[in-house]
Amino acid sequence: MKHLLFLLGASCALSASLSAKTYGGFKPGKTFTFTVVEKVSRSQVDLNPSTDVPVPPGVVNLAVGSKVTFTIGKKGQLQFKKLSYPFSSGKKGYNDYLLPPADGLSESGAVYKNSKGEPKSVSLNYLKFVMKDLSRTTYNVDYKLK
């Protein structure tokens, strides 16, 4: 009888682990680390040409060469540096993460996957709008991590 109960318990545990929820193929708790290989920060005032600028206040400022560890949260969110971007959608080659825009700032990310479904690179994107009088400044900050 003990043997039968053990097999039943093991079977239930295996079944539960096989049916664990995934988000775009990633299980909660998965971690991966990448290095910032590219950083672009530009601004455009009204319809003037865009120019390179420092990262504006309120936007994540990562240095080229720095390592960033990402974790998939309990609800599939992409977490790093005390930030959390909700899981938006999962595709064969990438997963999207998107925070609803707030206070003129839109934040998003994508985790690109290799043919085995493992993370191979990350893209983080920030779009910030600042209105002053009748002028609008648009900041665009992009990071590529590999």
N, C-alpha and C. Protein backbone atom coordinates (compact mmCIF):
# COMPACT_ATOMS: atom_id res chain seq x y z
N MET A 1 0.82 -1.19 0.00
CA MET A 1 0.00 0.00 0.00
C MET A 1 0.87 1.26 0.00
N LYS A 2 1.97 1.25 0.82
CA LYS A 2 2.86 2.41 0.87
C LYS A 2 3.47 2.66 -0.50
N HIS A 3 3.80 1.57 -1.19
CA HIS A 3 4.40 1.68 -2.51
C HIS A 3 3.41 2.34 -3.48
N LEU A 4 2.17 1.95 -3.40
CA LEU A 4 1.13 2.50 -4.27
C LEU A 4 0.92 3.99 -3.97
N LEU A 5 0.89 4.36 -2.68
CA LEU A 5 0.73 5.78 -2.31
C LEU A 5 1.93 6.61 -2.78
N PHE A 6 3.13 6.04 -2.69
CA PHE A 6 4.32 6.74 -3.15
C PHE A 6 4.24 7.00 -4.66
N LEU A 7 3.86 5.96 -5.42
CA LEU A 7 3.74 6.11 -6.87
C LEU A 7 2.66 7.13 -7.24
N LEU A 8 1.56 7.12 -6.52
CA LEU A 8 0.48 8.07 -6.78
C LEU A 8 0.96 9.49 -6.50
N GLY A 9 1.66 9.68 -5.38
CA GLY A 9 2.20 11.01 -5.03
C GLY A 9 3.21 11.48 -6.05
N ALA A 10 4.11 10.61 -6.47
CA ALA A 10 5.13 10.96 -7.46
C ALA A 10 4.47 11.31 -8.79
N SER A 11 3.45 10.57 -9.15
CA SER A 11 2.73 10.82 -10.40
C SER A 11 2.06 12.20 -10.37
N CYS A 12 1.43 12.53 -9.23
CA CYS A 12 0.78 13.84 -9.09
C CYS A 12 1.80 14.97 -9.16
N ALA A 13 2.96 14.78 -8.51
CA ALA A 13 4.00 15.81 -8.52
C ALA A 13 4.54 16.02 -9.92
N LEU A 14 4.77 14.94 -10.65
CA LEU A 14 5.25 15.03 -12.01
C LEU A 14 4.22 15.71 -12.90
N SER A 15 2.97 15.36 -12.74
CA SER A 15 1.89 15.96 -13.52
C SER A 15 1.80 17.46 -13.25
N ALA A 16 1.93 17.87 -11.99
CA ALA A 16 1.86 19.28 -11.64
C ALA A 16 3.03 20.05 -12.23
N SER A 17 4.23 19.45 -12.21
CA SER A 17 5.39 20.16 -12.75
C SER A 17 5.31 20.27 -14.27
N LEU A 18 4.73 19.26 -14.93
CA LEU A 18 4.59 19.33 -16.37
C LEU A 18 3.55 20.35 -16.81
N SER A 19 2.57 20.61 -15.95
CA SER A 19 1.52 21.54 -16.33
C SER A 19 1.74 22.93 -15.75
N ALA A 20 2.95 23.20 -15.19
CA ALA A 20 3.24 24.51 -14.61
C ALA A 20 3.07 25.57 -15.68
N LYS A 21 2.48 26.68 -15.30
CA LYS A 21 2.19 27.78 -16.23
C LYS A 21 3.50 28.37 -16.76
N THR A 22 3.53 28.60 -18.06
CA THR A 22 4.66 29.29 -18.67
C THR A 22 4.14 30.54 -19.38
N TYR A 23 5.03 31.47 -19.59
CA TYR A 23 4.71 32.72 -20.26
C TYR A 23 5.66 32.86 -21.45
N GLY A 24 5.13 32.63 -22.63
CA GLY A 24 5.98 32.68 -23.81
C GLY A 24 7.09 31.65 -23.77
N GLY A 25 6.84 30.53 -23.07
CA GLY A 25 7.83 29.47 -22.97
C GLY A 25 8.74 29.58 -21.76
N PHE A 26 8.62 30.65 -20.99
CA PHE A 26 9.46 30.84 -19.80
C PHE A 26 8.66 30.56 -18.54
N LYS A 27 9.22 29.74 -17.66
CA LYS A 27 8.57 29.47 -16.37
C LYS A 27 8.92 30.57 -15.37
N PRO A 28 8.01 30.91 -14.48
CA PRO A 28 8.34 31.86 -13.42
C PRO A 28 9.58 31.39 -12.66
N GLY A 29 10.44 32.34 -12.33
CA GLY A 29 11.68 32.03 -11.62
C GLY A 29 12.89 31.91 -12.53
N LYS A 30 12.66 31.80 -13.84
CA LYS A 30 13.78 31.70 -14.77
C LYS A 30 14.61 32.97 -14.71
N THR A 31 15.93 32.83 -14.68
CA THR A 31 16.81 33.99 -14.69
C THR A 31 17.80 33.88 -15.84
N PHE A 32 18.24 35.02 -16.33
CA PHE A 32 19.26 35.07 -17.38
C PHE A 32 19.94 36.43 -17.30
N THR A 33 21.22 36.46 -17.65
CA THR A 33 22.02 37.68 -17.55
C THR A 33 22.59 38.02 -18.92
N PHE A 34 22.48 39.30 -19.28
CA PHE A 34 23.04 39.79 -20.53
C PHE A 34 23.82 41.07 -20.27
N THR A 35 24.66 41.43 -21.24
CA THR A 35 25.49 42.63 -21.15
C THR A 35 24.95 43.69 -22.10
N VAL A 36 24.93 44.95 -21.64
CA VAL A 36 24.49 46.06 -22.49
C VAL A 36 25.56 46.26 -23.57
N VAL A 37 25.19 46.07 -24.84
CA VAL A 37 26.15 46.23 -25.94
C VAL A 37 25.89 47.50 -26.74
N GLU A 38 24.70 48.07 -26.60
CA GLU A 38 24.39 49.30 -27.33
C GLU A 38 23.41 50.15 -26.53
N LYS A 39 23.66 51.46 -26.55
CA LYS A 39 22.80 52.42 -25.86
C LYS A 39 22.65 53.63 -26.77
N VAL A 40 21.40 53.97 -27.08
CA VAL A 40 21.11 55.13 -27.92
C VAL A 40 20.10 56.00 -27.19
N SER A 41 20.45 57.27 -26.99
CA SER A 41 19.54 58.21 -26.33
C SER A 41 19.47 59.46 -27.21
N ARG A 42 18.26 59.72 -27.72
CA ARG A 42 18.07 60.85 -28.64
C ARG A 42 16.86 61.65 -28.23
N SER A 43 16.85 62.92 -28.61
CA SER A 43 15.67 63.75 -28.37
C SER A 43 15.35 64.54 -29.62
N GLN A 44 14.10 64.89 -29.73
CA GLN A 44 13.62 65.70 -30.85
C GLN A 44 12.66 66.74 -30.28
N VAL A 45 12.93 68.01 -30.59
CA VAL A 45 12.06 69.10 -30.16
C VAL A 45 11.17 69.46 -31.34
N ASP A 46 9.87 69.33 -31.13
CA ASP A 46 8.88 69.58 -32.18
C ASP A 46 9.26 68.81 -33.44
N LEU A 47 9.42 69.49 -34.56
CA LEU A 47 9.75 68.80 -35.83
C LEU A 47 11.21 68.98 -36.23
N ASN A 48 12.04 69.47 -35.32
CA ASN A 48 13.46 69.64 -35.59
C ASN A 48 14.15 68.28 -35.67
N PRO A 49 15.34 68.24 -36.28
CA PRO A 49 16.07 66.96 -36.33
C PRO A 49 16.39 66.46 -34.91
N SER A 50 16.48 65.15 -34.75
CA SER A 50 16.82 64.58 -33.44
C SER A 50 18.32 64.68 -33.21
N THR A 51 18.68 64.73 -31.93
CA THR A 51 20.09 64.83 -31.55
C THR A 51 20.38 63.85 -30.42
N ASP A 52 21.65 63.46 -30.29
CA ASP A 52 22.07 62.62 -29.18
C ASP A 52 22.05 63.43 -27.90
N VAL A 53 21.52 62.85 -26.82
CA VAL A 53 21.42 63.53 -25.53
C VAL A 53 21.67 62.52 -24.42
N PRO A 54 21.98 63.01 -23.20
CA PRO A 54 22.05 62.09 -22.06
C PRO A 54 20.66 61.51 -21.78
N VAL A 55 20.64 60.38 -21.10
CA VAL A 55 19.36 59.75 -20.74
C VAL A 55 18.60 60.72 -19.83
N PRO A 56 17.32 61.01 -20.15
CA PRO A 56 16.56 61.98 -19.35
C PRO A 56 16.17 61.41 -17.99
N PRO A 57 15.89 62.29 -17.02
CA PRO A 57 15.43 61.83 -15.71
C PRO A 57 14.16 60.99 -15.85
N GLY A 58 14.05 59.97 -15.00
CA GLY A 58 12.87 59.11 -15.02
C GLY A 58 12.99 57.91 -15.95
N VAL A 59 14.10 57.84 -16.70
CA VAL A 59 14.32 56.73 -17.63
C VAL A 59 15.51 55.92 -17.12
N VAL A 60 15.42 54.61 -17.20
CA VAL A 60 16.51 53.73 -16.77
C VAL A 60 17.80 54.11 -17.50
N ASN A 61 18.87 54.25 -16.73
CA ASN A 61 20.16 54.61 -17.31
C ASN A 61 21.15 53.48 -17.09
N LEU A 62 21.38 52.69 -18.14
CA LEU A 62 22.30 51.55 -18.10
C LEU A 62 23.57 51.90 -18.86
N ALA A 63 24.72 51.52 -18.34
CA ALA A 63 25.99 51.78 -19.00
C ALA A 63 26.33 50.65 -19.97
N VAL A 64 26.90 51.01 -21.11
CA VAL A 64 27.38 50.00 -22.04
C VAL A 64 28.45 49.18 -21.31
N GLY A 65 28.36 47.87 -21.42
CA GLY A 65 29.29 46.96 -20.75
C GLY A 65 28.77 46.44 -19.42
N SER A 66 27.70 47.05 -18.90
CA SER A 66 27.16 46.57 -17.62
C SER A 66 26.35 45.30 -17.83
N LYS A 67 26.35 44.45 -16.82
CA LYS A 67 25.59 43.21 -16.86
C LYS A 67 24.26 43.42 -16.15
N VAL A 68 23.20 42.87 -16.73
CA VAL A 68 21.86 42.99 -16.15
C VAL A 68 21.27 41.59 -16.03
N THR A 69 20.81 41.25 -14.83
CA THR A 69 20.16 39.96 -14.60
C THR A 69 18.66 40.16 -14.62
N PHE A 70 18.00 39.37 -15.43
CA PHE A 70 16.55 39.40 -15.58
C PHE A 70 15.95 38.16 -14.92
N THR A 71 14.75 38.32 -14.37
CA THR A 71 14.01 37.21 -13.77
C THR A 71 12.59 37.24 -14.30
N ILE A 72 12.04 36.07 -14.60
CA ILE A 72 10.63 35.98 -14.98
C ILE A 72 9.84 35.83 -13.68
N GLY A 73 8.93 36.78 -13.44
CA GLY A 73 8.16 36.81 -12.20
C GLY A 73 7.03 35.80 -12.18
N LYS A 74 6.32 35.76 -11.06
CA LYS A 74 5.24 34.79 -10.86
C LYS A 74 4.13 34.91 -11.89
N LYS A 75 3.90 36.10 -12.42
CA LYS A 75 2.86 36.31 -13.42
C LYS A 75 3.45 36.51 -14.81
N GLY A 76 4.71 36.08 -15.00
CA GLY A 76 5.36 36.16 -16.30
C GLY A 76 6.06 37.46 -16.58
N GLN A 77 6.05 38.39 -15.63
CA GLN A 77 6.64 39.70 -15.86
C GLN A 77 8.17 39.62 -15.95
N LEU A 78 8.74 40.55 -16.71
CA LEU A 78 10.19 40.66 -16.85
C LEU A 78 10.68 41.62 -15.76
N GLN A 79 11.51 41.10 -14.85
CA GLN A 79 11.97 41.89 -13.71
C GLN A 79 13.47 42.09 -13.78
N PHE A 80 13.90 43.33 -13.44
CA PHE A 80 15.32 43.65 -13.32
C PHE A 80 15.45 44.99 -12.62
N LYS A 81 16.52 45.15 -11.87
CA LYS A 81 16.83 46.42 -11.19
C LYS A 81 15.61 47.06 -10.54
N LYS A 82 14.84 46.31 -9.78
CA LYS A 82 13.65 46.79 -9.07
C LYS A 82 12.54 47.26 -10.01
N LEU A 83 12.63 46.91 -11.30
CA LEU A 83 11.58 47.23 -12.27
C LEU A 83 10.87 45.95 -12.65
N SER A 84 9.63 46.10 -13.11
CA SER A 84 8.84 44.94 -13.51
C SER A 84 7.95 45.32 -14.68
N TYR A 85 8.13 44.64 -15.81
CA TYR A 85 7.33 44.89 -17.01
C TYR A 85 6.41 43.70 -17.25
N PRO A 86 5.10 43.91 -17.25
CA PRO A 86 4.16 42.80 -17.44
C PRO A 86 4.35 42.08 -18.78
N PHE A 87 4.14 40.78 -18.74
CA PHE A 87 4.17 39.96 -19.96
C PHE A 87 3.02 40.40 -20.84
N SER A 88 3.31 40.67 -22.11
CA SER A 88 2.29 41.11 -23.05
C SER A 88 1.90 39.98 -24.00
N SER A 89 2.91 39.39 -24.67
CA SER A 89 2.62 38.29 -25.59
C SER A 89 3.89 37.49 -25.85
N GLY A 90 3.68 36.24 -26.23
CA GLY A 90 4.80 35.37 -26.56
C GLY A 90 4.67 34.87 -27.98
N LYS A 91 5.72 34.99 -28.72
CA LYS A 91 5.79 34.50 -30.10
C LYS A 91 6.91 33.46 -30.19
N LYS A 92 7.03 32.85 -31.34
CA LYS A 92 8.06 31.82 -31.51
C LYS A 92 9.46 32.40 -31.29
N GLY A 93 9.74 33.58 -31.80
CA GLY A 93 11.09 34.13 -31.74
C GLY A 93 11.32 35.16 -30.66
N TYR A 94 10.25 35.61 -29.98
CA TYR A 94 10.43 36.65 -28.95
C TYR A 94 9.21 36.75 -28.06
N ASN A 95 9.42 37.36 -26.89
CA ASN A 95 8.34 37.69 -25.96
C ASN A 95 8.32 39.20 -25.79
N ASP A 96 7.13 39.79 -25.72
CA ASP A 96 6.97 41.22 -25.50
C ASP A 96 6.55 41.50 -24.07
N TYR A 97 7.07 42.60 -23.52
CA TYR A 97 6.74 43.06 -22.17
C TYR A 97 6.44 44.55 -22.27
N LEU A 98 5.34 44.99 -21.64
CA LEU A 98 4.91 46.37 -21.84
C LEU A 98 4.23 46.92 -20.60
N LEU A 99 4.69 48.10 -20.16
CA LEU A 99 4.02 48.82 -19.09
C LEU A 99 3.05 49.81 -19.72
N PRO A 100 1.87 49.97 -19.16
CA PRO A 100 0.96 50.99 -19.70
C PRO A 100 1.63 52.36 -19.58
N PRO A 101 1.51 53.22 -20.59
CA PRO A 101 2.11 54.55 -20.51
C PRO A 101 1.58 55.32 -19.30
N ALA A 102 2.48 56.08 -18.67
CA ALA A 102 2.10 56.89 -17.51
C ALA A 102 2.98 58.13 -17.45
N ASP A 103 2.38 59.26 -17.20
CA ASP A 103 3.12 60.52 -17.05
C ASP A 103 4.05 60.80 -18.23
N GLY A 104 3.58 60.52 -19.43
CA GLY A 104 4.38 60.80 -20.63
C GLY A 104 5.49 59.83 -20.91
N LEU A 105 5.53 58.70 -20.18
CA LEU A 105 6.60 57.71 -20.36
C LEU A 105 6.01 56.36 -20.76
N SER A 106 6.55 55.80 -21.83
CA SER A 106 6.17 54.47 -22.30
C SER A 106 7.41 53.59 -22.21
N GLU A 107 7.27 52.42 -21.52
CA GLU A 107 8.40 51.52 -21.31
C GLU A 107 8.04 50.14 -21.84
N SER A 108 8.97 49.54 -22.58
CA SER A 108 8.72 48.21 -23.11
C SER A 108 10.02 47.44 -23.26
N GLY A 109 9.89 46.15 -23.45
CA GLY A 109 11.05 45.30 -23.65
C GLY A 109 10.68 44.09 -24.47
N ALA A 110 11.69 43.46 -25.02
CA ALA A 110 11.50 42.22 -25.77
C ALA A 110 12.66 41.29 -25.44
N VAL A 111 12.33 40.02 -25.23
CA VAL A 111 13.35 39.00 -25.04
C VAL A 111 13.31 38.13 -26.29
N TYR A 112 14.42 38.12 -27.02
CA TYR A 112 14.51 37.32 -28.25
C TYR A 112 15.02 35.93 -27.89
N LYS A 113 14.46 34.91 -28.57
CA LYS A 113 14.76 33.52 -28.24
C LYS A 113 15.48 32.83 -29.39
N ASN A 114 16.34 31.87 -29.03
CA ASN A 114 16.99 31.05 -30.05
C ASN A 114 16.04 29.95 -30.51
N SER A 115 16.52 29.07 -31.38
CA SER A 115 15.66 28.02 -31.94
C SER A 115 15.18 27.01 -30.89
N LYS A 116 15.85 26.98 -29.73
CA LYS A 116 15.43 26.08 -28.65
C LYS A 116 14.52 26.78 -27.65
N GLY A 117 14.19 28.06 -27.92
CA GLY A 117 13.29 28.80 -27.04
C GLY A 117 13.97 29.43 -25.84
N GLU A 118 15.30 29.44 -25.83
CA GLU A 118 16.06 30.05 -24.73
C GLU A 118 16.37 31.51 -25.06
N PRO A 119 16.47 32.37 -24.05
CA PRO A 119 16.79 33.78 -24.30
C PRO A 119 18.15 33.94 -24.96
N LYS A 120 18.21 34.78 -26.01
CA LYS A 120 19.50 35.04 -26.67
C LYS A 120 19.87 36.52 -26.65
N SER A 121 18.89 37.41 -26.49
CA SER A 121 19.18 38.84 -26.37
C SER A 121 17.94 39.55 -25.85
N VAL A 122 18.15 40.81 -25.43
CA VAL A 122 17.07 41.62 -24.88
C VAL A 122 17.14 43.01 -25.48
N SER A 123 15.99 43.59 -25.72
CA SER A 123 15.88 44.98 -26.17
C SER A 123 14.98 45.71 -25.18
N LEU A 124 15.43 46.87 -24.70
CA LEU A 124 14.63 47.70 -23.81
C LEU A 124 14.42 49.05 -24.49
N ASN A 125 13.18 49.54 -24.46
CA ASN A 125 12.84 50.76 -25.18
C ASN A 125 12.03 51.71 -24.30
N TYR A 126 12.41 52.99 -24.33
CA TYR A 126 11.75 54.01 -23.53
C TYR A 126 11.42 55.19 -24.42
N LEU A 127 10.19 55.66 -24.34
CA LEU A 127 9.72 56.81 -25.08
C LEU A 127 9.12 57.78 -24.08
N LYS A 128 9.65 59.01 -24.03
CA LYS A 128 9.19 59.98 -23.05
C LYS A 128 8.83 61.29 -23.76
N PHE A 129 7.65 61.82 -23.43
CA PHE A 129 7.19 63.10 -23.99
C PHE A 129 7.18 64.14 -22.88
N VAL A 130 7.75 65.32 -23.19
CA VAL A 130 7.76 66.43 -22.24
C VAL A 130 7.19 67.65 -22.95
N MET A 131 6.12 68.20 -22.38
CA MET A 131 5.50 69.41 -22.94
C MET A 131 5.96 70.62 -22.13
N LYS A 132 6.37 71.67 -22.83
CA LYS A 132 6.73 72.93 -22.17
C LYS A 132 6.20 74.06 -23.04
N ASP A 133 5.28 74.82 -22.47
CA ASP A 133 4.58 75.85 -23.23
C ASP A 133 3.92 75.19 -24.44
N LEU A 134 4.25 75.64 -25.63
CA LEU A 134 3.66 75.05 -26.84
C LEU A 134 4.63 74.10 -27.54
N SER A 135 5.71 73.74 -26.89
CA SER A 135 6.74 72.90 -27.48
C SER A 135 6.71 71.50 -26.88
N ARG A 136 6.98 70.51 -27.70
CA ARG A 136 7.03 69.12 -27.24
C ARG A 136 8.40 68.52 -27.54
N THR A 137 9.00 67.94 -26.51
CA THR A 137 10.26 67.23 -26.68
C THR A 137 9.99 65.74 -26.53
N THR A 138 10.48 64.97 -27.48
CA THR A 138 10.33 63.52 -27.46
C THR A 138 11.71 62.90 -27.23
N TYR A 139 11.81 62.09 -26.19
CA TYR A 139 13.05 61.36 -25.90
C TYR A 139 12.84 59.90 -26.28
N ASN A 140 13.85 59.31 -26.91
CA ASN A 140 13.80 57.91 -27.28
C ASN A 140 15.10 57.27 -26.81
N VAL A 141 15.00 56.31 -25.88
CA VAL A 141 16.18 55.63 -25.35
C VAL A 141 16.03 54.14 -25.63
N ASP A 142 17.04 53.57 -26.27
CA ASP A 142 17.01 52.15 -26.63
C ASP A 142 18.28 51.47 -26.14
N TYR A 143 18.11 50.25 -25.62
CA TYR A 143 19.23 49.42 -25.19
C TYR A 143 19.15 48.08 -25.89
N LYS A 144 20.32 47.57 -26.26
CA LYS A 144 20.44 46.21 -26.79
C LYS A 144 21.36 45.45 -25.85
N LEU A 145 20.93 44.28 -25.42
CA LEU A 145 21.72 43.45 -24.52
C LEU A 145 21.91 42.07 -25.14
N LYS A 146 23.12 41.56 -25.05
CA LYS A 146 23.43 40.21 -25.56
C LYS A 146 24.23 39.47 -24.52
